[in-house]
């Protein structure tokens, strides 16, 4: 068994600016289902920052094994609103893996971590 950790920390104000001035670019970074969740959220910039941060944490956890692009990480909410990530990459689909993601916010920041476990 091998384990890898990824962490990302972001300022939410950066995502507020993106939400207000550059919404047309969001499809380059978020999958359609993620964009729908962002648009439906009470605070879209905070939701956007949380999803971004979680995707980046997952990408960093996978970095020693494979190089993932942002759109190859599908982030959703599982049971009890626990974040779940699905990897849309052919190599990752062949691995016996477990992936746990956690996201937390303050007024100004969002942090996410990902724990990747590979069963050898």
N, C-alpha and C. Protein backbone atom coordinates (compact mmCIF):
# COMPACT_ATOMS: atom_id res chain seq x y z
N UNK A 1 0.85 -1.18 0.00
CA UNK A 1 0.00 0.00 0.00
C UNK A 1 0.90 1.25 0.00
N UNK A 2 0.54 2.20 -0.84
CA UNK A 2 1.24 3.48 -0.90
C UNK A 2 0.23 4.60 -0.69
N UNK A 3 0.66 5.65 0.00
CA UNK A 3 -0.23 6.78 0.25
C UNK A 3 0.42 8.08 -0.20
N UNK A 4 -0.41 8.98 -0.72
CA UNK A 4 0.05 10.28 -1.20
C UNK A 4 -0.95 11.34 -0.73
N UNK A 5 -0.42 12.51 -0.38
CA UNK A 5 -1.26 13.60 0.11
C UNK A 5 -1.09 14.81 -0.80
N UNK A 6 -2.21 15.48 -1.05
CA UNK A 6 -2.18 16.75 -1.77
C UNK A 6 -2.94 17.79 -0.97
N UNK A 7 -2.45 19.02 -0.96
CA UNK A 7 -3.09 20.11 -0.22
C UNK A 7 -3.10 21.36 -1.10
N UNK A 8 -4.17 22.14 -1.01
CA UNK A 8 -4.22 23.42 -1.71
C UNK A 8 -4.94 24.43 -0.84
N UNK A 9 -4.46 25.67 -0.86
CA UNK A 9 -5.03 26.78 -0.11
C UNK A 9 -5.19 27.95 -1.07
N UNK A 10 -6.37 28.57 -1.06
CA UNK A 10 -6.65 29.68 -1.98
C UNK A 10 -7.38 30.81 -1.25
N UNK A 11 -7.21 32.03 -1.78
CA UNK A 11 -7.98 33.17 -1.32
C UNK A 11 -9.29 33.24 -2.09
N UNK A 12 -10.40 33.38 -1.39
CA UNK A 12 -11.71 33.39 -2.04
C UNK A 12 -11.89 34.65 -2.88
N UNK A 13 -11.26 35.76 -2.53
CA UNK A 13 -11.46 37.00 -3.29
C UNK A 13 -11.05 36.84 -4.76
N UNK A 14 -10.08 36.00 -5.02
CA UNK A 14 -9.67 35.73 -6.39
C UNK A 14 -10.82 35.11 -7.20
N UNK A 15 -11.60 34.25 -6.57
CA UNK A 15 -12.72 33.61 -7.23
C UNK A 15 -13.93 34.54 -7.33
N UNK A 16 -14.05 35.48 -6.41
CA UNK A 16 -15.11 36.50 -6.53
C UNK A 16 -14.88 37.33 -7.79
N UNK A 17 -13.62 37.73 -8.01
CA UNK A 17 -13.30 38.51 -9.21
C UNK A 17 -13.58 37.70 -10.48
N UNK A 18 -13.20 36.45 -10.46
CA UNK A 18 -13.44 35.58 -11.60
C UNK A 18 -14.94 35.44 -11.86
N UNK A 19 -15.71 35.25 -10.81
CA UNK A 19 -17.17 35.11 -10.92
C UNK A 19 -17.80 36.38 -11.47
N UNK A 20 -17.32 37.52 -11.04
CA UNK A 20 -17.92 38.79 -11.46
C UNK A 20 -17.48 39.23 -12.86
N UNK A 21 -16.24 38.92 -13.25
CA UNK A 21 -15.70 39.51 -14.47
C UNK A 21 -15.34 38.53 -15.58
N UNK A 22 -15.21 37.25 -15.25
CA UNK A 22 -14.72 36.32 -16.28
C UNK A 22 -15.46 34.99 -16.26
N UNK A 23 -16.77 35.03 -16.04
CA UNK A 23 -17.55 33.79 -16.02
C UNK A 23 -17.41 32.98 -17.30
N UNK A 24 -17.19 33.67 -18.40
CA UNK A 24 -17.11 32.99 -19.69
C UNK A 24 -15.91 32.02 -19.78
N UNK A 25 -14.97 32.13 -18.86
CA UNK A 25 -13.80 31.25 -18.86
C UNK A 25 -13.97 29.99 -18.01
N UNK A 26 -15.03 29.93 -17.23
CA UNK A 26 -15.17 28.85 -16.25
C UNK A 26 -15.22 27.46 -16.87
N UNK A 27 -15.75 27.33 -18.08
CA UNK A 27 -15.84 26.00 -18.71
C UNK A 27 -14.46 25.40 -18.99
N UNK A 28 -13.41 26.20 -18.94
CA UNK A 28 -12.05 25.70 -19.13
C UNK A 28 -11.53 25.00 -17.88
N UNK A 29 -12.18 25.24 -16.74
CA UNK A 29 -11.67 24.74 -15.45
C UNK A 29 -12.64 23.81 -14.72
N UNK A 30 -13.92 23.91 -15.05
CA UNK A 30 -14.94 23.15 -14.34
C UNK A 30 -15.78 22.33 -15.31
N UNK A 31 -16.15 21.13 -14.89
CA UNK A 31 -17.04 20.28 -15.68
C UNK A 31 -18.47 20.81 -15.60
N UNK A 32 -19.33 20.46 -16.54
CA UNK A 32 -20.71 20.99 -16.54
C UNK A 32 -21.47 20.77 -15.23
N UNK A 33 -21.35 19.60 -14.63
CA UNK A 33 -22.06 19.34 -13.36
C UNK A 33 -21.51 20.23 -12.24
N UNK A 34 -20.21 20.48 -12.26
CA UNK A 34 -19.60 21.36 -11.26
C UNK A 34 -20.09 22.79 -11.45
N UNK A 35 -20.16 23.24 -12.70
CA UNK A 35 -20.66 24.60 -12.98
C UNK A 35 -22.10 24.76 -12.51
N UNK A 36 -22.90 23.72 -12.69
CA UNK A 36 -24.29 23.77 -12.23
C UNK A 36 -24.35 23.94 -10.72
N UNK A 37 -23.52 23.19 -10.00
CA UNK A 37 -23.49 23.31 -8.53
C UNK A 37 -23.04 24.71 -8.10
N UNK A 38 -22.06 25.26 -8.81
CA UNK A 38 -21.58 26.60 -8.50
C UNK A 38 -22.69 27.62 -8.70
N UNK A 39 -23.38 27.54 -9.83
CA UNK A 39 -24.45 28.50 -10.14
C UNK A 39 -25.61 28.40 -9.17
N UNK A 40 -25.88 27.21 -8.66
CA UNK A 40 -27.00 27.00 -7.73
C UNK A 40 -26.63 27.29 -6.28
N UNK A 41 -25.35 27.48 -5.99
CA UNK A 41 -24.90 27.69 -4.60
C UNK A 41 -25.34 29.06 -4.08
N UNK A 42 -25.62 29.16 -2.78
CA UNK A 42 -25.96 30.45 -2.20
C UNK A 42 -24.81 31.47 -2.34
N UNK A 43 -23.58 30.97 -2.30
CA UNK A 43 -22.39 31.83 -2.46
C UNK A 43 -21.51 31.21 -3.55
N UNK A 44 -21.80 31.49 -4.82
CA UNK A 44 -21.07 30.85 -5.91
C UNK A 44 -19.54 30.98 -5.85
N UNK A 45 -18.98 32.14 -5.53
CA UNK A 45 -17.51 32.20 -5.50
C UNK A 45 -16.88 31.28 -4.46
N UNK A 46 -17.53 31.13 -3.31
CA UNK A 46 -17.02 30.24 -2.28
C UNK A 46 -17.08 28.79 -2.75
N UNK A 47 -18.18 28.42 -3.39
CA UNK A 47 -18.34 27.07 -3.92
C UNK A 47 -17.29 26.81 -5.00
N UNK A 48 -17.10 27.79 -5.87
CA UNK A 48 -16.12 27.68 -6.94
C UNK A 48 -14.72 27.50 -6.37
N UNK A 49 -14.38 28.26 -5.35
CA UNK A 49 -13.06 28.15 -4.71
C UNK A 49 -12.88 26.78 -4.06
N UNK A 50 -13.92 26.28 -3.42
CA UNK A 50 -13.84 24.97 -2.78
C UNK A 50 -13.61 23.85 -3.78
N UNK A 51 -14.34 23.89 -4.88
CA UNK A 51 -14.18 22.87 -5.91
C UNK A 51 -12.78 22.96 -6.52
N UNK A 52 -12.34 24.18 -6.83
CA UNK A 52 -11.00 24.36 -7.40
C UNK A 52 -9.93 23.80 -6.47
N UNK A 53 -10.04 24.18 -5.21
CA UNK A 53 -9.05 23.77 -4.22
C UNK A 53 -9.00 22.24 -4.10
N UNK A 54 -10.16 21.61 -4.08
CA UNK A 54 -10.21 20.15 -3.97
C UNK A 54 -9.60 19.50 -5.21
N UNK A 55 -9.90 20.04 -6.39
CA UNK A 55 -9.31 19.50 -7.62
C UNK A 55 -7.79 19.60 -7.57
N UNK A 56 -7.28 20.74 -7.14
CA UNK A 56 -5.84 20.95 -7.07
C UNK A 56 -5.20 20.00 -6.05
N UNK A 57 -5.86 19.78 -4.92
CA UNK A 57 -5.33 18.85 -3.92
C UNK A 57 -5.26 17.44 -4.49
N UNK A 58 -6.28 17.03 -5.24
CA UNK A 58 -6.28 15.71 -5.86
C UNK A 58 -5.15 15.61 -6.89
N UNK A 59 -5.01 16.63 -7.71
CA UNK A 59 -3.94 16.64 -8.72
C UNK A 59 -2.57 16.50 -8.06
N UNK A 60 -2.37 17.19 -6.96
CA UNK A 60 -1.09 17.11 -6.23
C UNK A 60 -0.88 15.73 -5.62
N UNK A 61 -1.94 15.11 -5.13
CA UNK A 61 -1.81 13.76 -4.56
C UNK A 61 -1.41 12.75 -5.65
N UNK A 62 -1.93 12.93 -6.84
CA UNK A 62 -1.62 12.02 -7.95
C UNK A 62 -0.27 12.34 -8.61
N UNK A 63 0.30 13.49 -8.36
CA UNK A 63 1.49 13.96 -9.08
C UNK A 63 2.65 12.96 -9.12
N UNK A 64 2.94 12.21 -8.06
CA UNK A 64 4.05 11.24 -8.16
C UNK A 64 3.75 10.08 -9.13
N UNK A 65 2.48 9.90 -9.49
CA UNK A 65 2.08 8.76 -10.31
C UNK A 65 1.74 9.14 -11.75
N UNK A 66 0.84 10.11 -11.89
CA UNK A 66 0.40 10.57 -13.21
C UNK A 66 0.13 12.07 -13.17
N UNK A 67 0.19 12.67 -14.31
CA UNK A 67 -0.10 14.09 -14.44
C UNK A 67 -1.56 14.25 -14.85
N UNK A 68 -2.34 14.85 -13.98
CA UNK A 68 -3.76 15.07 -14.25
C UNK A 68 -4.01 16.51 -14.66
N UNK A 69 -4.98 16.70 -15.51
CA UNK A 69 -5.46 18.04 -15.85
C UNK A 69 -6.70 18.31 -15.01
N UNK A 70 -7.03 19.57 -14.85
CA UNK A 70 -8.15 19.97 -14.00
C UNK A 70 -9.46 19.30 -14.42
N UNK A 71 -9.70 19.18 -15.72
CA UNK A 71 -10.95 18.59 -16.19
C UNK A 71 -10.96 17.07 -16.10
N UNK A 72 -9.87 16.47 -15.63
CA UNK A 72 -9.84 15.02 -15.40
C UNK A 72 -10.20 14.66 -13.96
N UNK A 73 -10.53 15.66 -13.18
CA UNK A 73 -10.97 15.45 -11.80
C UNK A 73 -12.42 15.92 -11.71
N UNK A 74 -13.31 14.99 -11.48
CA UNK A 74 -14.75 15.28 -11.39
C UNK A 74 -15.13 15.30 -9.91
N UNK A 75 -15.43 16.48 -9.41
CA UNK A 75 -15.73 16.63 -7.99
C UNK A 75 -17.24 16.70 -7.79
N UNK A 76 -17.74 15.92 -6.86
CA UNK A 76 -19.17 15.93 -6.54
C UNK A 76 -19.35 15.77 -5.04
N UNK A 77 -20.61 15.82 -4.60
CA UNK A 77 -20.91 15.59 -3.19
C UNK A 77 -21.52 14.22 -3.03
N UNK A 78 -20.97 13.48 -2.11
CA UNK A 78 -21.48 12.15 -1.82
C UNK A 78 -22.46 12.19 -0.67
N UNK A 79 -22.57 11.07 0.00
CA UNK A 79 -23.46 10.91 1.16
C UNK A 79 -23.09 11.92 2.25
N UNK A 80 -24.08 12.57 2.83
CA UNK A 80 -23.89 13.56 3.89
C UNK A 80 -23.03 14.74 3.42
N UNK A 81 -23.11 15.06 2.12
CA UNK A 81 -22.39 16.21 1.53
C UNK A 81 -20.87 16.09 1.62
N UNK A 82 -20.37 14.88 1.74
CA UNK A 82 -18.92 14.65 1.78
C UNK A 82 -18.39 14.72 0.35
N UNK A 83 -17.33 15.51 0.11
CA UNK A 83 -16.80 15.61 -1.25
C UNK A 83 -16.27 14.27 -1.76
N UNK A 84 -16.54 14.01 -3.03
CA UNK A 84 -16.04 12.82 -3.69
C UNK A 84 -15.40 13.24 -5.00
N UNK A 85 -14.29 12.62 -5.33
CA UNK A 85 -13.61 12.91 -6.58
C UNK A 85 -13.53 11.65 -7.42
N UNK A 86 -13.88 11.78 -8.67
CA UNK A 86 -13.76 10.69 -9.65
C UNK A 86 -12.70 11.11 -10.65
N UNK A 87 -11.78 10.23 -10.95
CA UNK A 87 -10.66 10.54 -11.84
C UNK A 87 -10.99 10.04 -13.24
N UNK A 88 -10.94 10.95 -14.21
CA UNK A 88 -11.28 10.65 -15.59
C UNK A 88 -10.00 10.52 -16.41
N UNK A 89 -9.19 9.55 -16.05
CA UNK A 89 -7.90 9.33 -16.71
C UNK A 89 -7.72 7.82 -16.88
N UNK A 90 -7.31 7.35 -18.07
CA UNK A 90 -7.22 5.90 -18.30
C UNK A 90 -6.28 5.16 -17.36
N UNK A 91 -5.18 5.76 -16.96
CA UNK A 91 -4.25 5.09 -16.04
C UNK A 91 -4.89 4.97 -14.66
N UNK A 92 -5.51 6.03 -14.18
CA UNK A 92 -6.13 6.01 -12.85
C UNK A 92 -7.26 4.99 -12.78
N UNK A 93 -7.97 4.81 -13.89
CA UNK A 93 -9.08 3.85 -13.91
C UNK A 93 -8.61 2.42 -13.71
N UNK A 94 -7.34 2.14 -13.97
CA UNK A 94 -6.78 0.78 -13.82
C UNK A 94 -6.21 0.53 -12.43
N UNK A 95 -6.11 1.56 -11.61
CA UNK A 95 -5.51 1.43 -10.29
C UNK A 95 -6.54 1.01 -9.25
N UNK A 96 -6.10 0.21 -8.29
CA UNK A 96 -6.92 -0.12 -7.13
C UNK A 96 -6.66 0.98 -6.11
N UNK A 97 -7.54 1.98 -6.08
CA UNK A 97 -7.25 3.15 -5.26
C UNK A 97 -8.44 3.55 -4.40
N UNK A 98 -8.10 4.31 -3.37
CA UNK A 98 -9.09 4.96 -2.51
C UNK A 98 -8.69 6.42 -2.43
N UNK A 99 -9.65 7.32 -2.56
CA UNK A 99 -9.36 8.75 -2.56
C UNK A 99 -10.33 9.45 -1.61
N UNK A 100 -9.78 10.15 -0.64
CA UNK A 100 -10.58 10.89 0.33
C UNK A 100 -10.24 12.37 0.19
N UNK A 101 -11.29 13.20 0.13
CA UNK A 101 -11.11 14.64 -0.06
C UNK A 101 -11.83 15.38 1.06
N UNK A 102 -11.22 16.45 1.55
CA UNK A 102 -11.81 17.29 2.57
C UNK A 102 -11.64 18.76 2.17
N UNK A 103 -12.68 19.57 2.41
CA UNK A 103 -12.65 20.99 2.07
C UNK A 103 -13.12 21.77 3.30
N UNK A 104 -12.46 22.91 3.56
CA UNK A 104 -12.88 23.77 4.65
C UNK A 104 -12.72 25.23 4.23
N UNK A 105 -13.62 26.10 4.74
CA UNK A 105 -13.61 27.52 4.39
C UNK A 105 -13.51 28.40 5.63
N UNK A 106 -12.95 29.58 5.44
CA UNK A 106 -13.14 30.71 6.35
C UNK A 106 -13.77 31.80 5.48
N UNK A 107 -13.92 33.00 6.00
CA UNK A 107 -14.45 34.09 5.16
C UNK A 107 -13.52 34.42 4.00
N UNK A 108 -12.23 34.25 4.23
CA UNK A 108 -11.25 34.70 3.25
C UNK A 108 -10.53 33.58 2.51
N UNK A 109 -10.50 32.39 3.07
CA UNK A 109 -9.71 31.31 2.48
C UNK A 109 -10.48 30.01 2.39
N UNK A 110 -10.01 29.16 1.50
CA UNK A 110 -10.51 27.79 1.41
C UNK A 110 -9.28 26.89 1.34
N UNK A 111 -9.38 25.75 2.02
CA UNK A 111 -8.32 24.77 2.00
C UNK A 111 -8.92 23.41 1.69
N UNK A 112 -8.18 22.61 0.97
CA UNK A 112 -8.61 21.25 0.68
C UNK A 112 -7.42 20.32 0.77
N UNK A 113 -7.70 19.10 1.17
CA UNK A 113 -6.65 18.08 1.15
C UNK A 113 -7.23 16.81 0.55
N UNK A 114 -6.32 16.04 -0.02
CA UNK A 114 -6.71 14.77 -0.62
C UNK A 114 -5.72 13.70 -0.16
N UNK A 115 -6.27 12.57 0.22
CA UNK A 115 -5.45 11.43 0.61
C UNK A 115 -5.73 10.32 -0.41
N UNK A 116 -4.68 9.94 -1.13
CA UNK A 116 -4.75 8.90 -2.14
C UNK A 116 -4.07 7.66 -1.60
N UNK A 117 -4.78 6.55 -1.59
CA UNK A 117 -4.22 5.27 -1.18
C UNK A 117 -4.26 4.32 -2.36
N UNK A 118 -3.10 3.78 -2.71
CA UNK A 118 -2.98 2.81 -3.79
C UNK A 118 -2.70 1.45 -3.16
N UNK A 119 -3.54 0.49 -3.46
CA UNK A 119 -3.31 -0.88 -2.97
C UNK A 119 -2.45 -1.59 -4.01
N UNK A 120 -1.23 -1.91 -3.61
CA UNK A 120 -0.26 -2.52 -4.53
C UNK A 120 -0.59 -3.95 -4.85
